[in-house]
Amino acid sequence: PRETINGTVVTCQYDGGGASTMVRFQTKSDAA
């Protein structure tokens, strides 16, 4: 993965798999 960190968000972009694949973590999230 190519990692990008922006504040409370970590984004992981993956090559391969035929389509764009991404995992995104966000900390400090609440129901609202």
PDB file of all heavy atoms in Angstrom:
ATOM      1  N   PRO A   1       0.824  -1.216   0.000  1.00  0.00           N
ATOM      2  CA  PRO A   1       0.000   0.000   0.000  1.00  0.00           C
ATOM      3  C   PRO A   1       0.855   1.262   0.000  1.00  0.00           C
ATOM      4  O   PRO A   1       1.977   1.280   0.508  1.00  0.00           O
ATOM      5  CB  PRO A   1      -0.780  -0.120   1.310  1.00  0.00           C
ATOM      6  CG  PRO A   1       0.091  -0.932   2.201  1.00  0.00           C
ATOM      7  CD  PRO A   1       0.819  -1.890   1.297  1.00  0.00           C
ATOM      8  N   ARG A   2       0.295   2.308  -0.583  1.00  0.00           N
ATOM      9  CA  ARG A   2       0.847   3.657  -0.466  1.00  0.00           C
ATOM     10  C   ARG A   2       0.072   4.319   0.661  1.00  0.00           C
ATOM     11  O   ARG A   2      -1.154   4.377   0.616  1.00  0.00           O
ATOM     12  CB  ARG A   2       0.681   4.428  -1.772  1.00  0.00           C
ATOM     13  CG  ARG A   2       1.553   3.892  -2.890  1.00  0.00           C
ATOM     14  CD  ARG A   2       1.370   4.664  -4.200  1.00  0.00           C
ATOM     15  NE  ARG A   2      -0.009   4.940  -4.588  1.00  0.00           N
ATOM     16  CZ  ARG A   2      -0.835   4.070  -5.144  1.00  0.00           C
ATOM     17  NH1 ARG A   2      -0.455   2.843  -5.373  1.00  0.00           N
ATOM     18  NH2 ARG A   2      -2.056   4.421  -5.479  1.00  0.00           N
ATOM     19  N   GLU A   3       0.777   4.802   1.648  1.00  0.00           N
ATOM     20  CA  GLU A   3       0.147   5.353   2.845  1.00  0.00           C
ATOM     21  C   GLU A   3       0.145   6.879   2.810  1.00  0.00           C
ATOM     22  O   GLU A   3       1.148   7.494   2.477  1.00  0.00           O
ATOM     23  CB  GLU A   3       0.914   4.872   4.075  1.00  0.00           C
ATOM     24  CG  GLU A   3       0.365   5.410   5.378  1.00  0.00           C
ATOM     25  CD  GLU A   3       1.119   4.820   6.554  1.00  0.00           C
ATOM     26  OE1 GLU A   3       0.723   3.738   7.032  1.00  0.00           O
ATOM     27  OE2 GLU A   3       2.106   5.441   6.977  1.00  0.00           O
ATOM     28  N   THR A   4      -0.999   7.440   3.168  1.00  0.00           N
ATOM     29  CA  THR A   4      -1.126   8.881   3.330  1.00  0.00           C
ATOM     30  C   THR A   4      -1.762   9.131   4.681  1.00  0.00           C
ATOM     31  O   THR A   4      -2.771   8.507   5.017  1.00  0.00           O
ATOM     32  CB  THR A   4      -2.019   9.496   2.223  1.00  0.00           C
ATOM     33  OG1 THR A   4      -1.500   9.121   0.948  1.00  0.00           O
ATOM     34  CG2 THR A   4      -2.078  11.001   2.332  1.00  0.00           C
ATOM     35  N   ILE A   5      -1.161  10.025   5.456  1.00  0.00           N
ATOM     36  CA  ILE A   5      -1.716  10.378   6.763  1.00  0.00           C
ATOM     37  C   ILE A   5      -2.084  11.851   6.724  1.00  0.00           C
ATOM     38  O   ILE A   5      -1.278  12.691   6.346  1.00  0.00           O
ATOM     39  CB  ILE A   5      -0.707  10.112   7.898  1.00  0.00           C
ATOM     40  CG1 ILE A   5      -0.304   8.644   7.902  1.00  0.00           C
ATOM     41  CG2 ILE A   5      -1.294  10.522   9.246  1.00  0.00           C
ATOM     42  CD1 ILE A   5       0.809   8.303   8.873  1.00  0.00           C
ATOM     43  N   ASN A   6      -3.323  12.141   7.111  1.00  0.00           N
ATOM     44  CA  ASN A   6      -3.808  13.509   7.132  1.00  0.00           C
ATOM     45  C   ASN A   6      -4.630  13.706   8.400  1.00  0.00           C
ATOM     46  O   ASN A   6      -5.805  13.330   8.448  1.00  0.00           O
ATOM     47  CB  ASN A   6      -4.638  13.806   5.880  1.00  0.00           C
ATOM     48  CG  ASN A   6      -5.065  15.252   5.794  1.00  0.00           C
ATOM     49  OD1 ASN A   6      -4.675  16.077   6.613  1.00  0.00           O
ATOM     50  ND2 ASN A   6      -5.863  15.566   4.793  1.00  0.00           N
ATOM     51  N   GLY A   7      -4.000  14.270   9.426  1.00  0.00           N
ATOM     52  CA  GLY A   7      -4.702  14.479  10.685  1.00  0.00           C
ATOM     53  C   GLY A   7      -5.101  13.160  11.320  1.00  0.00           C
ATOM     54  O   GLY A   7      -4.248  12.353  11.656  1.00  0.00           O
ATOM     55  N   THR A   8      -6.401  12.909  11.422  1.00  0.00           N
ATOM     56  CA  THR A   8      -6.906  11.688  12.061  1.00  0.00           C
ATOM     57  C   THR A   8      -7.184  10.570  11.059  1.00  0.00           C
ATOM     58  O   THR A   8      -7.769   9.555  11.421  1.00  0.00           O
ATOM     59  CB  THR A   8      -8.200  11.987  12.840  1.00  0.00           C
ATOM     60  OG1 THR A   8      -9.190  12.448  11.910  1.00  0.00           O
ATOM     61  CG2 THR A   8      -7.983  13.020  13.926  1.00  0.00           C
ATOM     62  N   VAL A   9      -6.758  10.742   9.814  1.00  0.00           N
ATOM     63  CA  VAL A   9      -7.072   9.782   8.752  1.00  0.00           C
ATOM     64  C   VAL A   9      -5.793   9.160   8.191  1.00  0.00           C
ATOM     65  O   VAL A   9      -4.848   9.860   7.852  1.00  0.00           O
ATOM     66  CB  VAL A   9      -7.858  10.474   7.614  1.00  0.00           C
ATOM     67  CG1 VAL A   9      -8.108   9.507   6.458  1.00  0.00           C
ATOM     68  CG2 VAL A   9      -9.166  11.037   8.129  1.00  0.00           C
ATOM     69  N   VAL A  10      -5.802   7.828   8.098  1.00  0.00           N
ATOM     70  CA  VAL A  10      -4.732   7.077   7.442  1.00  0.00           C
ATOM     71  C   VAL A  10      -5.357   6.373   6.254  1.00  0.00           C
ATOM     72  O   VAL A  10      -6.309   5.596   6.416  1.00  0.00           O
ATOM     73  CB  VAL A  10      -4.098   6.034   8.390  1.00  0.00           C
ATOM     74  CG1 VAL A  10      -3.052   5.202   7.653  1.00  0.00           C
ATOM     75  CG2 VAL A  10      -3.495   6.702   9.614  1.00  0.00           C
ATOM     76  N   THR A  11      -4.843   6.634   5.049  1.00  0.00           N
ATOM     77  CA  THR A  11      -5.369   6.024   3.837  1.00  0.00           C
ATOM     78  C   THR A  11      -4.313   5.108   3.234  1.00  0.00           C
ATOM     79  O   THR A  11      -3.157   5.510   3.097  1.00  0.00           O
ATOM     80  CB  THR A  11      -5.764   7.100   2.806  1.00  0.00           C
ATOM     81  OG1 THR A  11      -6.708   7.991   3.417  1.00  0.00           O
ATOM     82  CG2 THR A  11      -6.393   6.479   1.570  1.00  0.00           C
ATOM     83  N   CYS A  12      -4.719   3.908   2.868  1.00  0.00           N
ATOM     84  CA  CYS A  12      -3.841   2.910   2.257  1.00  0.00           C
ATOM     85  C   CYS A  12      -4.391   2.589   0.872  1.00  0.00           C
ATOM     86  O   CYS A  12      -5.490   2.056   0.763  1.00  0.00           O
ATOM     87  CB  CYS A  12      -3.798   1.640   3.107  1.00  0.00           C
ATOM     88  SG  CYS A  12      -3.536   1.935   4.876  1.00  0.00           S
ATOM     89  N   GLN A  13      -3.644   2.934  -0.162  1.00  0.00           N
ATOM     90  CA  GLN A  13      -4.045   2.658  -1.550  1.00  0.00           C
ATOM     91  C   GLN A  13      -3.228   1.488  -2.065  1.00  0.00           C
ATOM     92  O   GLN A  13      -2.014   1.493  -1.945  1.00  0.00           O
ATOM     93  CB  GLN A  13      -3.769   3.872  -2.441  1.00  0.00           C
ATOM     94  CG  GLN A  13      -4.648   5.048  -2.154  1.00  0.00           C
ATOM     95  CD  GLN A  13      -5.979   4.956  -2.888  1.00  0.00           C
ATOM     96  OE1 GLN A  13      -6.298   3.974  -3.550  1.00  0.00           O
ATOM     97  NE2 GLN A  13      -6.774   5.985  -2.741  1.00  0.00           N
ATOM     98  N   TYR A  14      -3.876   0.500  -2.653  1.00  0.00           N
ATOM     99  CA  TYR A  14      -3.220  -0.703  -3.135  1.00  0.00           C
ATOM    100  C   TYR A  14      -3.287  -0.763  -4.652  1.00  0.00           C
ATOM    101  O   TYR A  14      -4.318  -0.447  -5.239  1.00  0.00           O
ATOM    102  CB  TYR A  14      -3.902  -1.953  -2.572  1.00  0.00           C
ATOM    103  CG  TYR A  14      -3.952  -1.972  -1.075  1.00  0.00           C
ATOM    104  CD1 TYR A  14      -4.959  -1.289  -0.392  1.00  0.00           C
ATOM    105  CD2 TYR A  14      -2.998  -2.657  -0.340  1.00  0.00           C
ATOM    106  CE1 TYR A  14      -5.000  -1.290   0.995  1.00  0.00           C
ATOM    107  CE2 TYR A  14      -3.033  -2.665   1.045  1.00  0.00           C
ATOM    108  CZ  TYR A  14      -4.034  -1.972   1.703  1.00  0.00           C
ATOM    109  OH  TYR A  14      -4.074  -1.971   3.075  1.00  0.00           O
ATOM    110  N   ASP A  15      -2.208  -1.218  -5.275  1.00  0.00           N
ATOM    111  CA  ASP A  15      -2.206  -1.501  -6.704  1.00  0.00           C
ATOM    112  C   ASP A  15      -2.530  -2.973  -6.890  1.00  0.00           C
ATOM    113  O   ASP A  15      -2.299  -3.787  -6.000  1.00  0.00           O
ATOM    114  CB  ASP A  15      -0.831  -1.201  -7.307  1.00  0.00           C
ATOM    115  CG  ASP A  15      -0.529   0.287  -7.325  1.00  0.00           C
ATOM    116  OD1 ASP A  15      -1.465   1.090  -7.495  1.00  0.00           O
ATOM    117  OD2 ASP A  15       0.653   0.642  -7.172  1.00  0.00           O
ATOM    118  N   GLY A  16      -3.029  -3.308  -8.068  1.00  0.00           N
ATOM    119  CA  GLY A  16      -3.375  -4.699  -8.360  1.00  0.00           C
ATOM    120  C   GLY A  16      -4.840  -4.951  -8.081  1.00  0.00           C
ATOM    121  O   GLY A  16      -5.586  -4.058  -7.695  1.00  0.00           O
ATOM    122  N   GLY A  17      -5.259  -6.159  -8.311  1.00  0.00           N
ATOM    123  CA  GLY A  17      -6.637  -6.531  -8.014  1.00  0.00           C
ATOM    124  C   GLY A  17      -7.639  -6.123  -9.068  1.00  0.00           C
ATOM    125  O   GLY A  17      -8.829  -6.340  -8.895  1.00  0.00           O
ATOM    126  N   GLY A  18      -7.185  -5.485 -10.152  1.00  0.00           N
ATOM    127  CA  GLY A  18      -8.084  -5.140 -11.239  1.00  0.00           C
ATOM    128  C   GLY A  18      -8.890  -3.870 -11.049  1.00  0.00           C
ATOM    129  O   GLY A  18      -9.342  -3.280 -11.996  1.00  0.00           O
ATOM    130  N   ALA A  19      -9.101  -3.423  -9.829  1.00  0.00           N
ATOM    131  CA  ALA A  19      -9.857  -2.207  -9.563  1.00  0.00           C
ATOM    132  C   ALA A  19      -9.153  -1.448  -8.446  1.00  0.00           C
ATOM    133  O   ALA A  19      -8.290  -1.992  -7.762  1.00  0.00           O
ATOM    134  CB  ALA A  19     -11.289  -2.534  -9.149  1.00  0.00           C
ATOM    135  N   SER A  20      -9.513  -0.234  -8.263  1.00  0.00           N
ATOM    136  CA  SER A  20      -8.931   0.557  -7.180  1.00  0.00           C
ATOM    137  C   SER A  20      -9.333  -0.044  -5.833  1.00  0.00           C
ATOM    138  O   SER A  20     -10.505  -0.313  -5.588  1.00  0.00           O
ATOM    139  CB  SER A  20      -9.438   1.998  -7.278  1.00  0.00           C
ATOM    140  OG  SER A  20      -8.939   2.761  -6.202  1.00  0.00           O
ATOM    141  N   THR A  21      -8.344  -0.281  -4.985  1.00  0.00           N
ATOM    142  CA  THR A  21      -8.604  -0.838  -3.665  1.00  0.00           C
ATOM    143  C   THR A  21      -8.018   0.098  -2.629  1.00  0.00           C
ATOM    144  O   THR A  21      -6.860   0.508  -2.728  1.00  0.00           O
ATOM    145  CB  THR A  21      -7.992  -2.242  -3.521  1.00  0.00           C
ATOM    146  OG1 THR A  21      -8.545  -3.083  -4.538  1.00  0.00           O
ATOM    147  CG2 THR A  21      -8.280  -2.839  -2.157  1.00  0.00           C
ATOM    148  N   MET A  22      -8.828   0.436  -1.617  1.00  0.00           N
ATOM    149  CA  MET A  22      -8.406   1.378  -0.590  1.00  0.00           C
ATOM    150  C   MET A  22      -8.937   0.937   0.764  1.00  0.00           C
ATOM    151  O   MET A  22     -10.067   0.461   0.874  1.00  0.00           O
ATOM    152  CB  MET A  22      -8.939   2.777  -0.906  1.00  0.00           C
ATOM    153  CG  MET A  22      -8.629   3.803   0.177  1.00  0.00           C
ATOM    154  SD  MET A  22      -9.229   5.471  -0.180  1.00  0.00           S
ATOM    155  CE  MET A  22     -10.982   5.255  -0.112  1.00  0.00           C
ATOM    156  N   VAL A  23      -8.109   1.115   1.789  1.00  0.00           N
ATOM    157  CA  VAL A  23      -8.531   0.977   3.177  1.00  0.00           C
ATOM    158  C   VAL A  23      -8.245   2.315   3.833  1.00  0.00           C
ATOM    159  O   VAL A  23      -7.162   2.873   3.676  1.00  0.00           O
ATOM    160  CB  VAL A  23      -7.764  -0.148   3.909  1.00  0.00           C
ATOM    161  CG1 VAL A  23      -8.075  -0.133   5.394  1.00  0.00           C
ATOM    162  CG2 VAL A  23      -8.099  -1.502   3.301  1.00  0.00           C
ATOM    163  N   ARG A  24      -9.232   2.819   4.558  1.00  0.00           N
ATOM    164  CA  ARG A  24      -9.092   4.120   5.211  1.00  0.00           C
ATOM    165  C   ARG A  24      -9.473   3.968   6.672  1.00  0.00           C
ATOM    166  O   ARG A  24     -10.551   3.459   6.987  1.00  0.00           O
ATOM    167  CB  ARG A  24     -10.017   5.125   4.528  1.00  0.00           C
ATOM    168  CG  ARG A  24     -10.007   6.516   5.097  1.00  0.00           C
ATOM    169  CD  ARG A  24     -11.011   7.370   4.296  1.00  0.00           C
ATOM    170  NE  ARG A  24     -11.197   8.671   4.844  1.00  0.00           N
ATOM    171  CZ  ARG A  24     -12.085   8.988   5.779  1.00  0.00           C
ATOM    172  NH1 ARG A  24     -12.876   8.049   6.273  1.00  0.00           N
ATOM    173  NH2 ARG A  24     -12.192  10.208   6.229  1.00  0.00           N
ATOM    174  N   PHE A  25      -8.555   4.391   7.550  1.00  0.00           N
ATOM    175  CA  PHE A  25      -8.821   4.405   8.982  1.00  0.00           C
ATOM    176  C   PHE A  25      -9.047   5.849   9.408  1.00  0.00           C
ATOM    177  O   PHE A  25      -8.317   6.740   8.964  1.00  0.00           O
ATOM    178  CB  PHE A  25      -7.614   3.888   9.775  1.00  0.00           C
ATOM    179  CG  PHE A  25      -7.234   2.470   9.493  1.00  0.00           C
ATOM    180  CD1 PHE A  25      -6.255   2.169   8.553  1.00  0.00           C
ATOM    181  CD2 PHE A  25      -7.826   1.425  10.192  1.00  0.00           C
ATOM    182  CE1 PHE A  25      -5.873   0.865   8.312  1.00  0.00           C
ATOM    183  CE2 PHE A  25      -7.442   0.114   9.953  1.00  0.00           C
ATOM    184  CZ  PHE A  25      -6.472  -0.166   9.006  1.00  0.00           C
ATOM    185  N   GLN A  26     -10.027   6.073  10.257  1.00  0.00           N
ATOM    186  CA  GLN A  26     -10.216   7.400  10.838  1.00  0.00           C
ATOM    187  C   GLN A  26     -10.361   7.239  12.343  1.00  0.00           C
ATOM    188  O   GLN A  26     -11.199   6.466  12.809  1.00  0.00           O
ATOM    189  CB  GLN A  26     -11.437   8.114  10.271  1.00  0.00           C
ATOM    190  CG  GLN A  26     -11.583   9.513  10.855  1.00  0.00           C
ATOM    191  CD  GLN A  26     -12.582  10.353  10.102  1.00  0.00           C
ATOM    192  OE1 GLN A  26     -12.999  10.011   8.997  1.00  0.00           O
ATOM    193  NE2 GLN A  26     -12.957  11.468  10.680  1.00  0.00           N
ATOM    194  N   THR A  27      -9.521   7.958  13.068  1.00  0.00           N
ATOM    195  CA  THR A  27      -9.599   7.919  14.521  1.00  0.00           C
ATOM    196  C   THR A  27     -10.456   9.090  14.996  1.00  0.00           C
ATOM    197  O   THR A  27     -10.812   9.974  14.218  1.00  0.00           O
ATOM    198  CB  THR A  27      -8.197   8.006  15.146  1.00  0.00           C
ATOM    199  OG1 THR A  27      -7.574   9.232  14.748  1.00  0.00           O
ATOM    200  CG2 THR A  27      -7.329   6.827  14.711  1.00  0.00           C
ATOM    201  N   LYS A  28     -10.789   9.072  16.254  1.00  0.00           N
ATOM    202  CA  LYS A  28     -11.603  10.123  16.881  1.00  0.00           C
ATOM    203  C   LYS A  28     -12.956  10.273  16.204  1.00  0.00           C
ATOM    204  O   LYS A  28     -13.477  11.366  16.051  1.00  0.00           O
ATOM    205  CB  LYS A  28     -10.852  11.452  16.910  1.00  0.00           C
ATOM    206  CG  LYS A  28      -9.561  11.392  17.699  1.00  0.00           C
ATOM    207  CD  LYS A  28      -8.902  12.731  17.784  1.00  0.00           C
ATOM    208  CE  LYS A  28      -7.635  12.626  18.611  1.00  0.00           C
ATOM    209  NZ  LYS A  28      -6.946  13.890  18.737  1.00  0.00           N
ATOM    210  N   SER A  29     -13.548   9.159  15.794  1.00  0.00           N
ATOM    211  CA  SER A  29     -14.865   9.167  15.171  1.00  0.00           C
ATOM    212  C   SER A  29     -15.915   8.872  16.240  1.00  0.00           C
ATOM    213  O   SER A  29     -15.684   8.080  17.141  1.00  0.00           O
ATOM    214  CB  SER A  29     -14.933   8.100  14.072  1.00  0.00           C
ATOM    215  OG  SER A  29     -16.190   8.110  13.436  1.00  0.00           O
ATOM    216  N   ASP A  30     -17.046   9.521  16.136  1.00  0.00           N
ATOM    217  CA  ASP A  30     -18.169   9.219  17.027  1.00  0.00           C
ATOM    218  C   ASP A  30     -19.414   9.069  16.163  1.00  0.00           C
ATOM    219  O   ASP A  30     -19.359   9.203  14.943  1.00  0.00           O
ATOM    220  CB  ASP A  30     -18.338  10.295  18.107  1.00  0.00           C
ATOM    221  CG  ASP A  30     -18.596  11.693  17.547  1.00  0.00           C
ATOM    222  OD1 ASP A  30     -18.968  11.830  16.359  1.00  0.00           O
ATOM    223  OD2 ASP A  30     -18.428  12.662  18.301  1.00  0.00           O
ATOM    224  N   ALA A  31     -20.544   8.766  16.790  1.00  0.00           N
ATOM    225  CA  ALA A  31     -21.775   8.503  16.033  1.00  0.00           C
ATOM    226  C   ALA A  31     -22.185   9.697  15.178  1.00  0.00           C
ATOM    227  O   ALA A  31     -22.617   9.523  14.035  1.00  0.00           O
ATOM    228  CB  ALA A  31     -22.901   8.101  16.981  1.00  0.00           C
ATOM    229  N   ALA A  32     -22.029  10.913  15.702  1.00  0.00           N
ATOM    230  CA  ALA A  32     -22.428  12.105  14.945  1.00  0.00           C
ATOM    231  C   ALA A  32     -21.530  12.309  13.723  1.00  0.00           C
ATOM    232  O   ALA A  32     -22.021  12.584  12.622  1.00  0.00           O
ATOM    233  CB  ALA A  32     -22.390  13.338  15.847  1.00  0.00           C
TER     234      ALA A  32
END
